[in-house]
Amino acid sequence: MLQAGGQTLEDLRELQREGALMRLVGREEIPDPDTVGDWLRRMVDPQTDPAGLHGLGPVRDLFNQRLLRHDGITEYTLDADAMQIEAEKREATGTYQGVKGYMPLLGFLFETPVCL
């Protein structure tokens, strides 16, 4: 969603309306934004889930490793870019555009659809 311009969990409602995309990924429905938000909050709370989202890192790394090993490309261009994510959380600060939120730095490989 972030690569396609999504900025909030409410954008999940837009995905649900994209019939062709839903067929492509083999889904008839996806969780609503409240459900996903609840799940994400539980994943970053060490009291409710000590492993949390940290377990996704090794999965991402293995997926990227396999993809890059077989794509035939020997040199890559790293495209580092900050992405504005609006948020109303107490910890959120102002972005350079004056919006309350976060500006995480993402690293993309220009030659592939990989976000590191």
Protein backbone atom coordinates (compact mmCIF):
# COMPACT_ATOMS: atom_id res chain seq x y z
CA MET A 1 0.00 0.00 0.00
CA LEU A 2 2.82 2.41 0.79
CA GLN A 3 4.35 1.97 -2.67
CA ALA A 4 0.98 2.66 -4.28
CA GLY A 5 0.44 5.89 -2.36
CA GLY A 6 -1.51 4.61 0.64
CA GLN A 7 -1.08 6.69 3.78
CA THR A 8 -3.57 5.41 6.35
CA LEU A 9 -5.21 2.17 7.36
CA GLU A 10 -8.44 3.56 5.90
CA ASP A 11 -6.88 2.97 2.48
CA LEU A 12 -7.64 -0.72 3.05
CA ARG A 13 -11.23 0.13 2.14
CA GLU A 14 -9.98 1.21 -1.30
CA LEU A 15 -8.16 -2.09 -1.74
CA GLN A 16 -11.33 -4.00 -0.92
CA ARG A 17 -13.08 -2.18 -3.79
CA GLU A 18 -10.38 -3.18 -6.30
CA GLY A 19 -11.96 -6.37 -7.63
CA ALA A 20 -9.18 -7.18 -10.12
CA LEU A 21 -6.49 -6.82 -7.45
CA MET A 22 -8.45 -8.94 -4.99
CA ARG A 23 -8.77 -11.70 -7.62
CA LEU A 24 -5.06 -11.40 -8.41
CA VAL A 25 -4.07 -12.00 -4.78
CA GLY A 26 -6.72 -14.69 -4.37
CA ARG A 27 -8.82 -12.89 -1.75
CA GLU A 28 -12.51 -12.16 -1.60
CA GLU A 29 -12.13 -9.84 1.37
CA ILE A 30 -9.49 -8.30 3.60
CA PRO A 31 -9.70 -7.23 7.24
CA ASP A 32 -11.21 -3.82 7.89
CA PRO A 33 -8.96 -0.96 9.08
CA ASP A 34 -10.02 -1.26 12.75
CA THR A 35 -9.10 -4.94 12.84
CA VAL A 36 -5.71 -4.33 11.23
CA GLY A 37 -5.04 -1.41 13.60
CA ASP A 38 -5.88 -3.57 16.62
CA TRP A 39 -3.56 -6.32 15.33
CA LEU A 40 -0.71 -3.88 14.68
CA ARG A 41 -1.03 -2.39 18.17
CA ARG A 42 -0.86 -5.86 19.71
CA MET A 43 2.22 -6.71 17.62
CA VAL A 44 4.23 -3.80 18.99
CA ASP A 45 3.16 -4.33 22.61
CA PRO A 46 5.70 -6.60 24.36
CA GLN A 47 3.09 -7.41 27.04
CA THR A 48 0.68 -9.03 24.56
CA ASP A 49 3.19 -10.43 22.03
CA PRO A 50 6.86 -10.58 23.05
CA ALA A 51 8.00 -11.57 19.53
CA GLY A 52 5.79 -9.01 17.80
CA LEU A 53 6.60 -7.79 14.34
CA HIS A 54 10.29 -8.57 14.85
CA GLY A 55 9.59 -12.05 13.49
CA LEU A 56 8.73 -10.59 10.09
CA GLY A 57 12.30 -9.34 9.54
CA PRO A 58 13.82 -12.77 8.86
CA VAL A 59 10.90 -13.64 6.57
CA ARG A 60 11.42 -10.42 4.59
CA ASP A 61 15.16 -11.02 4.38
CA LEU A 62 14.73 -14.59 3.11
CA PHE A 63 12.15 -13.51 0.54
CA ASN A 64 14.40 -10.69 -0.73
CA GLN A 65 17.44 -12.97 -0.81
CA ARG A 66 15.65 -15.55 -2.95
CA LEU A 67 14.18 -12.93 -5.25
CA LEU A 68 17.48 -11.13 -5.80
CA ARG A 69 19.48 -14.31 -6.29
CA HIS A 70 17.32 -15.30 -9.28
CA ASP A 71 16.58 -11.98 -10.99
CA GLY A 72 19.74 -11.97 -13.17
CA ILE A 73 20.77 -8.47 -12.07
CA THR A 74 24.32 -8.06 -10.77
CA GLU A 75 24.32 -4.38 -9.80
CA TYR A 76 21.56 -2.44 -8.05
CA THR A 77 20.80 1.20 -7.41
CA LEU A 78 19.65 1.97 -3.86
CA ASP A 79 16.92 4.60 -3.82
CA ALA A 80 16.50 5.87 -0.25
CA ASP A 81 13.39 7.95 0.28
CA ALA A 82 11.45 9.22 3.28
CA MET A 83 7.73 8.52 3.27
CA GLN A 84 5.20 10.67 5.10
CA ILE A 85 2.70 8.73 7.18
CA GLU A 86 0.04 10.80 8.89
CA ALA A 87 -0.73 9.81 12.48
CA GLU A 88 -2.63 11.17 15.46
CA LYS A 89 -0.54 9.35 18.06
CA ARG A 90 0.81 11.34 20.97
CA GLU A 91 4.42 10.48 19.96
CA ALA A 92 3.96 11.66 16.36
CA THR A 93 5.75 14.85 15.43
CA GLY A 94 5.39 17.36 12.63
CA THR A 95 6.72 16.40 9.21
CA TYR A 96 8.45 18.85 6.90
CA GLN A 97 5.06 19.43 5.25
CA GLY A 98 3.55 20.47 8.58
CA VAL A 99 1.49 17.29 9.01
CA LYS A 100 1.47 15.38 12.30
CA GLY A 101 2.97 11.96 11.67
CA TYR A 102 6.14 10.04 10.92
CA MET A 103 8.76 10.14 8.17
CA PRO A 104 10.35 6.66 8.00
CA LEU A 105 13.25 6.22 5.61
CA LEU A 106 12.70 3.40 3.13
CA GLY A 107 15.26 1.81 0.84
CA PHE A 108 14.13 0.58 -2.58
CA LEU A 109 16.11 -1.15 -5.30
CA PHE A 110 15.48 0.82 -8.48
CA GLU A 111 15.81 -2.21 -10.77
CA THR A 112 13.34 -4.39 -8.85
CA PRO A 113 10.13 -3.99 -6.83
CA VAL A 114 12.05 -4.69 -3.61
CA CYS A 115 11.76 -2.49 -0.53
CA LEU A 116 14.60 -3.25 1.85
